[in-house]
Amino acid sequence: MRGKSAGWMLFVGCLLLLSFASTTRYSKTADLALIGLRLTLLILLSTLALREQWKHHRNLRTGDKHTNLDAGDTVLQRVRRWYYDSPEHRS
């Protein structure tokens, strides 16, 4: 239930920022906040995806199939599970 409430809070927060964008006084601030949030998420996820792809290609060249997981891998796995709504897999 915690995940659903966090998702709803993000949704309501975005709606609040979008409602500020409809008024003339706060439109520039709301636009900059939404653009900044989107660019931050884009840079973060792009960096994590490039790290994973680079590590995968490096492992293919060396033939190493089992590598140690680091913090970036677990973040990507959590995002992937959240996006596809798959159950948590613990090994």
PDB file of N, CA and C in Angstrom:
ATOM      1  N   MET A   1       0.825  -1.196   0.000  1.00  0.00           N
ATOM      2  CA  MET A   1       0.000   0.000   0.000  1.00  0.00           C
ATOM      3  C   MET A   1       0.862   1.250   0.000  1.00  0.00           C
ATOM      4  N   ARG A   2       2.078   1.126   0.531  1.00  0.00           N
ATOM      5  CA  ARG A   2       2.956   2.286   0.596  1.00  0.00           C
ATOM      6  C   ARG A   2       3.317   2.780  -0.804  1.00  0.00           C
ATOM      7  N   GLY A   3       3.507   1.842  -1.728  1.00  0.00           N
ATOM      8  CA  GLY A   3       3.844   2.209  -3.100  1.00  0.00           C
ATOM      9  C   GLY A   3       2.720   2.952  -3.792  1.00  0.00           C
ATOM     10  N   LYS A   4       1.486   2.524  -3.541  1.00  0.00           N
ATOM     11  CA  LYS A   4       0.344   3.196  -4.158  1.00  0.00           C
ATOM     12  C   LYS A   4       0.185   4.608  -3.624  1.00  0.00           C
ATOM     13  N   SER A   5       0.370   4.790  -2.330  1.00  0.00           N
ATOM     14  CA  SER A   5       0.210   6.134  -1.771  1.00  0.00           C
ATOM     15  C   SER A   5       1.324   7.058  -2.256  1.00  0.00           C
ATOM     16  N   ALA A   6       2.525   6.529  -2.401  1.00  0.00           N
ATOM     17  CA  ALA A   6       3.617   7.361  -2.919  1.00  0.00           C
ATOM     18  C   ALA A   6       3.344   7.760  -4.368  1.00  0.00           C
ATOM     19  N   GLY A   7       2.809   6.832  -5.148  1.00  0.00           N
ATOM     20  CA  GLY A   7       2.456   7.151  -6.530  1.00  0.00           C
ATOM     21  C   GLY A   7       1.377   8.208  -6.621  1.00  0.00           C
ATOM     22  N   TRP A   8       0.381   8.103  -5.757  1.00  0.00           N
ATOM     23  CA  TRP A   8      -0.678   9.103  -5.754  1.00  0.00           C
ATOM     24  C   TRP A   8      -0.159  10.465  -5.311  1.00  0.00           C
ATOM     25  N   MET A   9       0.754  10.474  -4.347  1.00  0.00           N
ATOM     26  CA  MET A   9       1.319  11.758  -3.899  1.00  0.00           C
ATOM     27  C   MET A   9       2.107  12.428  -5.031  1.00  0.00           C
ATOM     28  N   LEU A  10       2.864  11.638  -5.790  1.00  0.00           N
ATOM     29  CA  LEU A  10       3.581  12.192  -6.944  1.00  0.00           C
ATOM     30  C   LEU A  10       2.599  12.733  -7.985  1.00  0.00           C
ATOM     31  N   PHE A  11       1.521  11.997  -8.224  1.00  0.00           N
ATOM     32  CA  PHE A  11       0.516  12.428  -9.181  1.00  0.00           C
ATOM     33  C   PHE A  11      -0.130  13.745  -8.754  1.00  0.00           C
ATOM     34  N   VAL A  12      -0.510  13.834  -7.493  1.00  0.00           N
ATOM     35  CA  VAL A  12      -1.136  15.064  -6.985  1.00  0.00           C
ATOM     36  C   VAL A  12      -0.138  16.219  -7.030  1.00  0.00           C
ATOM     37  N   GLY A  13       1.127  15.944  -6.705  1.00  0.00           N
ATOM     38  CA  GLY A  13       2.145  16.998  -6.777  1.00  0.00           C
ATOM     39  C   GLY A  13       2.333  17.523  -8.193  1.00  0.00           C
ATOM     40  N   CYS A  14       2.329  16.619  -9.176  1.00  0.00           N
ATOM     41  CA  CYS A  14       2.437  17.056 -10.573  1.00  0.00           C
ATOM     42  C   CYS A  14       1.214  17.856 -10.999  1.00  0.00           C
ATOM     43  N   LEU A  15       0.042  17.417 -10.556  1.00  0.00           N
ATOM     44  CA  LEU A  15      -1.164  18.188 -10.874  1.00  0.00           C
ATOM     45  C   LEU A  15      -1.105  19.589 -10.266  1.00  0.00           C
ATOM     46  N   LEU A  16      -0.564  19.679  -9.059  1.00  0.00           N
ATOM     47  CA  LEU A  16      -0.427  20.984  -8.418  1.00  0.00           C
ATOM     48  C   LEU A  16       0.506  21.888  -9.222  1.00  0.00           C
ATOM     49  N   LEU A  17       1.644  21.333  -9.648  1.00  0.00           N
ATOM     50  CA  LEU A  17       2.571  22.122 -10.467  1.00  0.00           C
ATOM     51  C   LEU A  17       1.936  22.512 -11.796  1.00  0.00           C
ATOM     52  N   LEU A  18       1.186  21.593 -12.396  1.00  0.00           N
ATOM     53  CA  LEU A  18       0.518  21.916 -13.658  1.00  0.00           C
ATOM     54  C   LEU A  18      -0.557  22.980 -13.463  1.00  0.00           C
ATOM     55  N   SER A  19      -1.235  22.971 -12.337  1.00  0.00           N
ATOM     56  CA  SER A  19      -2.242  24.008 -12.095  1.00  0.00           C
ATOM     57  C   SER A  19      -1.576  25.369 -11.903  1.00  0.00           C
ATOM     58  N   PHE A  20      -0.377  25.375 -11.318  1.00  0.00           N
ATOM     59  CA  PHE A  20       0.356  26.638 -11.230  1.00  0.00           C
ATOM     60  C   PHE A  20       0.765  27.129 -12.612  1.00  0.00           C
ATOM     61  N   ALA A  21       1.007  26.199 -13.526  1.00  0.00           N
ATOM     62  CA  ALA A  21       1.409  26.586 -14.878  1.00  0.00           C
ATOM     63  C   ALA A  21       0.275  27.274 -15.624  1.00  0.00           C
ATOM     64  N   SER A  22      -0.965  27.063 -15.208  1.00  0.00           N
ATOM     65  CA  SER A  22      -2.086  27.690 -15.899  1.00  0.00           C
ATOM     66  C   SER A  22      -2.282  29.142 -15.477  1.00  0.00           C
ATOM     67  N   THR A  23      -1.705  29.540 -14.360  1.00  0.00           N
ATOM     68  CA  THR A  23      -1.807  30.940 -13.942  1.00  0.00           C
ATOM     69  C   THR A  23      -0.606  31.700 -14.475  1.00  0.00           C
ATOM     70  N   THR A  24      -0.773  32.960 -14.747  1.00  0.00           N
ATOM     71  CA  THR A  24       0.298  33.738 -15.361  1.00  0.00           C
ATOM     72  C   THR A  24       1.437  34.022 -14.390  1.00  0.00           C
ATOM     73  N   ARG A  25       1.118  34.161 -13.109  1.00  0.00           N
ATOM     74  CA  ARG A  25       2.142  34.557 -12.144  1.00  0.00           C
ATOM     75  C   ARG A  25       3.162  33.444 -11.888  1.00  0.00           C
ATOM     76  N   TYR A  26       2.701  32.194 -11.849  1.00  0.00           N
ATOM     77  CA  TYR A  26       3.583  31.085 -11.506  1.00  0.00           C
ATOM     78  C   TYR A  26       3.959  30.209 -12.699  1.00  0.00           C
ATOM     79  N   SER A  27       3.547  30.566 -13.890  1.00  0.00           N
ATOM     80  CA  SER A  27       3.740  29.675 -15.029  1.00  0.00           C
ATOM     81  C   SER A  27       5.220  29.423 -15.324  1.00  0.00           C
ATOM     82  N   LYS A  28       6.039  30.442 -15.255  1.00  0.00           N
ATOM     83  CA  LYS A  28       7.458  30.263 -15.558  1.00  0.00           C
ATOM     84  C   LYS A  28       8.130  29.385 -14.496  1.00  0.00           C
ATOM     85  N   THR A  29       7.804  29.586 -13.242  1.00  0.00           N
ATOM     86  CA  THR A  29       8.381  28.782 -12.165  1.00  0.00           C
ATOM     87  C   THR A  29       7.950  27.327 -12.274  1.00  0.00           C
ATOM     88  N   ALA A  30       6.672  27.097 -12.551  1.00  0.00           N
ATOM     89  CA  ALA A  30       6.176  25.729 -12.693  1.00  0.00           C
ATOM     90  C   ALA A  30       6.794  25.046 -13.904  1.00  0.00           C
ATOM     91  N   ASP A  31       6.920  25.764 -15.006  1.00  0.00           N
ATOM     92  CA  ASP A  31       7.554  25.185 -16.190  1.00  0.00           C
ATOM     93  C   ASP A  31       9.000  24.795 -15.894  1.00  0.00           C
ATOM     94  N   LEU A  32       9.736  25.669 -15.233  1.00  0.00           N
ATOM     95  CA  LEU A  32      11.134  25.365 -14.917  1.00  0.00           C
ATOM     96  C   LEU A  32      11.249  24.187 -13.951  1.00  0.00           C
ATOM     97  N   ALA A  33      10.331  24.098 -12.993  1.00  0.00           N
ATOM     98  CA  ALA A  33      10.364  22.981 -12.049  1.00  0.00           C
ATOM     99  C   ALA A  33      10.084  21.655 -12.748  1.00  0.00           C
ATOM    100  N   LEU A  34       9.079  21.619 -13.620  1.00  0.00           N
ATOM    101  CA  LEU A  34       8.758  20.388 -14.336  1.00  0.00           C
ATOM    102  C   LEU A  34       9.853  20.002 -15.324  1.00  0.00           C
ATOM    103  N   ILE A  35      10.416  20.981 -16.011  1.00  0.00           N
ATOM    104  CA  ILE A  35      11.509  20.691 -16.937  1.00  0.00           C
ATOM    105  C   ILE A  35      12.723  20.183 -16.180  1.00  0.00           C
ATOM    106  N   GLY A  36      13.036  20.797 -15.057  1.00  0.00           N
ATOM    107  CA  GLY A  36      14.169  20.354 -14.255  1.00  0.00           C
ATOM    108  C   GLY A  36      13.979  18.943 -13.717  1.00  0.00           C
ATOM    109  N   LEU A  37      12.773  18.635 -13.255  1.00  0.00           N
ATOM    110  CA  LEU A  37      12.472  17.292 -12.756  1.00  0.00           C
ATOM    111  C   LEU A  37      12.606  16.253 -13.864  1.00  0.00           C
ATOM    112  N   ARG A  38      12.077  16.565 -15.021  1.00  0.00           N
ATOM    113  CA  ARG A  38      12.152  15.624 -16.143  1.00  0.00           C
ATOM    114  C   ARG A  38      13.590  15.411 -16.585  1.00  0.00           C
ATOM    115  N   LEU A  39      14.362  16.473 -16.710  1.00  0.00           N
ATOM    116  CA  LEU A  39      15.755  16.326 -17.125  1.00  0.00           C
ATOM    117  C   LEU A  39      16.579  15.559 -16.099  1.00  0.00           C
ATOM    118  N   THR A  40      16.311  15.777 -14.817  1.00  0.00           N
ATOM    119  CA  THR A  40      17.017  15.044 -13.773  1.00  0.00           C
ATOM    120  C   THR A  40      16.736  13.555 -13.858  1.00  0.00           C
ATOM    121  N   LEU A  41      15.468  13.181 -13.997  1.00  0.00           N
ATOM    122  CA  LEU A  41      15.115  11.769 -14.139  1.00  0.00           C
ATOM    123  C   LEU A  41      15.687  11.165 -15.409  1.00  0.00           C
ATOM    124  N   LEU A  42      15.682  11.924 -16.494  1.00  0.00           N
ATOM    125  CA  LEU A  42      16.219  11.439 -17.754  1.00  0.00           C
ATOM    126  C   LEU A  42      17.718  11.180 -17.660  1.00  0.00           C
ATOM    127  N   ILE A  43      18.449  12.090 -17.048  1.00  0.00           N
ATOM    128  CA  ILE A  43      19.894  11.927 -16.890  1.00  0.00           C
ATOM    129  C   ILE A  43      20.211  10.754 -15.972  1.00  0.00           C
ATOM    130  N   LEU A  44      19.483  10.630 -14.879  1.00  0.00           N
ATOM    131  CA  LEU A  44      19.720   9.543 -13.932  1.00  0.00           C
ATOM    132  C   LEU A  44      19.478   8.177 -14.571  1.00  0.00           C
ATOM    133  N   LEU A  45      18.330   7.990 -15.193  1.00  0.00           N
ATOM    134  CA  LEU A  45      18.019   6.699 -15.797  1.00  0.00           C
ATOM    135  C   LEU A  45      18.901   6.406 -17.001  1.00  0.00           C
ATOM    136  N   SER A  46      19.274   7.424 -17.773  1.00  0.00           N
ATOM    137  CA  SER A  46      20.178   7.205 -18.904  1.00  0.00           C
ATOM    138  C   SER A  46      21.547   6.762 -18.433  1.00  0.00           C
ATOM    139  N   THR A  47      22.035   7.373 -17.378  1.00  0.00           N
ATOM    140  CA  THR A  47      23.331   6.994 -16.833  1.00  0.00           C
ATOM    141  C   THR A  47      23.319   5.559 -16.333  1.00  0.00           C
ATOM    142  N   LEU A  48      22.281   5.175 -15.606  1.00  0.00           N
ATOM    143  CA  LEU A  48      22.192   3.808 -15.102  1.00  0.00           C
ATOM    144  C   LEU A  48      22.062   2.795 -16.241  1.00  0.00           C
ATOM    145  N   ALA A  49      21.283   3.127 -17.269  1.00  0.00           N
ATOM    146  CA  ALA A  49      21.119   2.207 -18.397  1.00  0.00           C
ATOM    147  C   ALA A  49      22.419   2.065 -19.183  1.00  0.00           C
ATOM    148  N   LEU A  50      23.142   3.156 -19.385  1.00  0.00           N
ATOM    149  CA  LEU A  50      24.428   3.078 -20.090  1.00  0.00           C
ATOM    150  C   LEU A  50      25.453   2.273 -19.308  1.00  0.00           C
ATOM    151  N   ARG A  51      25.457   2.417 -17.974  1.00  0.00           N
ATOM    152  CA  ARG A  51      26.371   1.616 -17.148  1.00  0.00           C
ATOM    153  C   ARG A  51      26.079   0.135 -17.292  1.00  0.00           C
ATOM    154  N   GLU A  52      24.788  -0.213 -17.277  1.00  0.00           N
ATOM    155  CA  GLU A  52      24.413  -1.618 -17.402  1.00  0.00           C
ATOM    156  C   GLU A  52      24.789  -2.165 -18.777  1.00  0.00           C
ATOM    157  N   GLN A  53      24.541  -1.390 -19.816  1.00  0.00           N
ATOM    158  CA  GLN A  53      24.876  -1.836 -21.161  1.00  0.00           C
ATOM    159  C   GLN A  53      26.389  -1.983 -21.335  1.00  0.00           C
ATOM    160  N   TRP A  54      27.148  -1.038 -20.817  1.00  0.00           N
ATOM    161  CA  TRP A  54      28.592  -1.097 -20.918  1.00  0.00           C
ATOM    162  C   TRP A  54      29.141  -2.311 -20.171  1.00  0.00           C
ATOM    163  N   LYS A  55      28.584  -2.575 -18.980  1.00  0.00           N
ATOM    164  CA  LYS A  55      29.028  -3.722 -18.197  1.00  0.00           C
ATOM    165  C   LYS A  55      28.668  -5.026 -18.906  1.00  0.00           C
ATOM    166  N   HIS A  56      27.498  -5.065 -19.541  1.00  0.00           N
ATOM    167  CA  HIS A  56      27.080  -6.262 -20.267  1.00  0.00           C
ATOM    168  C   HIS A  56      28.029  -6.548 -21.433  1.00  0.00           C
ATOM    169  N   HIS A  57      28.380  -5.519 -22.197  1.00  0.00           N
ATOM    170  CA  HIS A  57      29.299  -5.709 -23.319  1.00  0.00           C
ATOM    171  C   HIS A  57      30.690  -6.118 -22.848  1.00  0.00           C
ATOM    172  N   ARG A  58      31.137  -5.554 -21.749  1.00  0.00           N
ATOM    173  CA  ARG A  58      32.447  -5.915 -21.197  1.00  0.00           C
ATOM    174  C   ARG A  58      32.444  -7.369 -20.738  1.00  0.00           C
ATOM    175  N   ASN A  59      31.346  -7.819 -20.130  1.00  0.00           N
ATOM    176  CA  ASN A  59      31.251  -9.205 -19.681  1.00  0.00           C
ATOM    177  C   ASN A  59      31.188 -10.179 -20.851  1.00  0.00           C
ATOM    178  N   LEU A  60      30.578  -9.763 -21.966  1.00  0.00           N
ATOM    179  CA  LEU A  60      30.546 -10.621 -23.147  1.00  0.00           C
ATOM    180  C   LEU A  60      31.954 -10.833 -23.710  1.00  0.00           C
ATOM    181  N   ARG A  61      32.758  -9.787 -23.687  1.00  0.00           N
ATOM    182  CA  ARG A  61      34.121  -9.908 -24.204  1.00  0.00           C
ATOM    183  C   ARG A  61      34.993 -10.786 -23.321  1.00  0.00           C
ATOM    184  N   THR A  62      34.833 -10.666 -22.007  1.00  0.00           N
ATOM    185  CA  THR A  62      35.678 -11.434 -21.101  1.00  0.00           C
ATOM    186  C   THR A  62      35.119 -12.821 -20.833  1.00  0.00           C
ATOM    187  N   GLY A  63      33.860 -13.058 -21.140  1.00  0.00           N
ATOM    188  CA  GLY A  63      33.250 -14.361 -20.912  1.00  0.00           C
ATOM    189  C   GLY A  63      32.806 -14.579 -19.482  1.00  0.00           C
ATOM    190  N   ASP A  64      32.817 -13.541 -18.666  1.00  0.00           N
ATOM    191  CA  ASP A  64      32.404 -13.657 -17.269  1.00  0.00           C
ATOM    192  C   ASP A  64      30.888 -13.506 -17.175  1.00  0.00           C
ATOM    193  N   LYS A  65      30.217 -14.561 -16.755  1.00  0.00           N
ATOM    194  CA  LYS A  65      28.749 -14.515 -16.687  1.00  0.00           C
ATOM    195  C   LYS A  65      28.249 -14.079 -15.323  1.00  0.00           C
ATOM    196  N   HIS A  66      29.036 -14.263 -14.278  1.00  0.00           N
ATOM    197  CA  HIS A  66      28.602 -13.927 -12.923  1.00  0.00           C
ATOM    198  C   HIS A  66      29.452 -12.775 -12.411  1.00  0.00           C
ATOM    199  N   THR A  67      28.817 -11.620 -12.276  1.00  0.00           N
ATOM    200  CA  THR A  67      29.521 -10.454 -11.747  1.00  0.00           C
ATOM    201  C   THR A  67      28.833 -10.022 -10.471  1.00  0.00           C
ATOM    202  N   ASN A  68      29.520  -9.257  -9.681  1.00  0.00           N
ATOM    203  CA  ASN A  68      28.946  -8.733  -8.447  1.00  0.00           C
ATOM    204  C   ASN A  68      27.953  -7.623  -8.769  1.00  0.00           C
ATOM    205  N   LEU A  69      26.830  -7.633  -8.071  1.00  0.00           N
ATOM    206  CA  LEU A  69      25.852  -6.574  -8.236  1.00  0.00           C
ATOM    207  C   LEU A  69      26.282  -5.361  -7.428  1.00  0.00           C
ATOM    208  N   ASP A  70      26.065  -4.201  -7.989  1.00  0.00           N
ATOM    209  CA  ASP A  70      26.334  -2.984  -7.240  1.00  0.00           C
ATOM    210  C   ASP A  70      25.035  -2.212  -7.056  1.00  0.00           C
ATOM    211  N   ALA A  71      25.126  -1.055  -6.438  1.00  0.00           N
ATOM    212  CA  ALA A  71      23.922  -0.290  -6.107  1.00  0.00           C
ATOM    213  C   ALA A  71      23.157   0.134  -7.351  1.00  0.00           C
ATOM    214  N   GLY A  72      23.860   0.446  -8.430  1.00  0.00           N
ATOM    215  CA  GLY A  72      23.194   0.850  -9.663  1.00  0.00           C
ATOM    216  C   GLY A  72      22.349  -0.259 -10.251  1.00  0.00           C
ATOM    217  N   ASP A  73      22.815  -1.490 -10.141  1.00  0.00           N
ATOM    218  CA  ASP A  73      22.048  -2.617 -10.657  1.00  0.00           C
ATOM    219  C   ASP A  73      20.755  -2.804  -9.883  1.00  0.00           C
ATOM    220  N   THR A  74      20.819  -2.680  -8.584  1.00  0.00           N
ATOM    221  CA  THR A  74      19.604  -2.889  -7.797  1.00  0.00           C
ATOM    222  C   THR A  74      18.591  -1.783  -8.049  1.00  0.00           C
ATOM    223  N   VAL A  75      19.036  -0.571  -8.295  1.00  0.00           N
ATOM    224  CA  VAL A  75      18.109   0.520  -8.599  1.00  0.00           C
ATOM    225  C   VAL A  75      17.398   0.241  -9.918  1.00  0.00           C
ATOM    226  N   LEU A  76      18.152  -0.185 -10.937  1.00  0.00           N
ATOM    227  CA  LEU A  76      17.535  -0.496 -12.216  1.00  0.00           C
ATOM    228  C   LEU A  76      16.564  -1.662 -12.107  1.00  0.00           C
ATOM    229  N   GLN A  77      16.916  -2.659 -11.313  1.00  0.00           N
ATOM    230  CA  GLN A  77      16.018  -3.795 -11.142  1.00  0.00           C
ATOM    231  C   GLN A  77      14.719  -3.368 -10.451  1.00  0.00           C
ATOM    232  N   ARG A  78      14.827  -2.490  -9.468  1.00  0.00           N
ATOM    233  CA  ARG A  78      13.623  -2.003  -8.794  1.00  0.00           C
ATOM    234  C   ARG A  78      12.748  -1.197  -9.748  1.00  0.00           C
ATOM    235  N   VAL A  79      13.365  -0.340 -10.570  1.00  0.00           N
ATOM    236  CA  VAL A  79      12.606   0.463 -11.532  1.00  0.00           C
ATOM    237  C   VAL A  79      11.936  -0.451 -12.546  1.00  0.00           C
ATOM    238  N   ARG A  80      12.649  -1.471 -13.007  1.00  0.00           N
ATOM    239  CA  ARG A  80      12.092  -2.412 -13.976  1.00  0.00           C
ATOM    240  C   ARG A  80      10.905  -3.169 -13.376  1.00  0.00           C
ATOM    241  N   ARG A  81      11.066  -3.633 -12.129  1.00  0.00           N
ATOM    242  CA  ARG A  81       9.957  -4.338 -11.466  1.00  0.00           C
ATOM    243  C   ARG A  81       8.760  -3.411 -11.266  1.00  0.00           C
ATOM    244  N   TRP A  82       9.017  -2.156 -10.895  1.00  0.00           N
ATOM    245  CA  TRP A  82       7.937  -1.199 -10.694  1.00  0.00           C
ATOM    246  C   TRP A  82       7.225  -0.918 -12.020  1.00  0.00           C
ATOM    247  N   TYR A  83       7.995  -0.724 -13.088  1.00  0.00           N
ATOM    248  CA  TYR A  83       7.414  -0.375 -14.383  1.00  0.00           C
ATOM    249  C   TYR A  83       6.559  -1.506 -14.933  1.00  0.00           C
ATOM    250  N   TYR A  84       7.056  -2.729 -14.849  1.00  0.00           N
ATOM    251  CA  TYR A  84       6.316  -3.871 -15.383  1.00  0.00           C
ATOM    252  C   TYR A  84       5.397  -4.514 -14.339  1.00  0.00           C
ATOM    253  N   ASP A  85       5.376  -3.984 -13.134  1.00  0.00           N
ATOM    254  CA  ASP A  85       4.519  -4.461 -12.049  1.00  0.00           C
ATOM    255  C   ASP A  85       4.711  -5.958 -11.811  1.00  0.00           C
ATOM    256  N   SER A  86       5.977  -6.370 -11.805  1.00  0.00           N
ATOM    257  CA  SER A  86       6.273  -7.778 -11.562  1.00  0.00           C
ATOM    258  C   SER A  86       6.603  -7.978 -10.081  1.00  0.00           C
ATOM    259  N   PRO A  87       6.381  -9.180  -9.582  1.00  0.00           N
ATOM    260  CA  PRO A  87       6.658  -9.430  -8.162  1.00  0.00           C
ATOM    261  C   PRO A  87       8.153  -9.372  -7.891  1.00  0.00           C
ATOM    262  N   GLU A  88       8.472  -9.071  -6.654  1.00  0.00           N
ATOM    263  CA  GLU A  88       9.877  -8.976  -6.253  1.00  0.00           C
ATOM    264  C   GLU A  88      10.478 -10.374  -6.220  1.00  0.00           C
ATOM    265  N   HIS A  89      11.640 -10.505  -6.846  1.00  0.00           N
ATOM    266  CA  HIS A  89      12.313 -11.795  -6.919  1.00  0.00           C
ATOM    267  C   HIS A  89      13.574 -11.734  -6.084  1.00  0.00           C
ATOM    268  N   ARG A  90      13.651 -12.535  -5.064  1.00  0.00           N
ATOM    269  CA  ARG A  90      14.834 -12.574  -4.210  1.00  0.00           C
ATOM    270  C   ARG A  90      15.554 -13.882  -4.452  1.00  0.00           C
ATOM    271  N   SER A  91      16.855 -13.789  -4.689  1.00  0.00           N
ATOM    272  CA  SER A  91      17.619 -15.013  -4.922  1.00  0.00           C
ATOM    273  C   SER A  91      18.727 -15.172  -3.909  1.00  0.00           C
TER     274      SER A  91
END
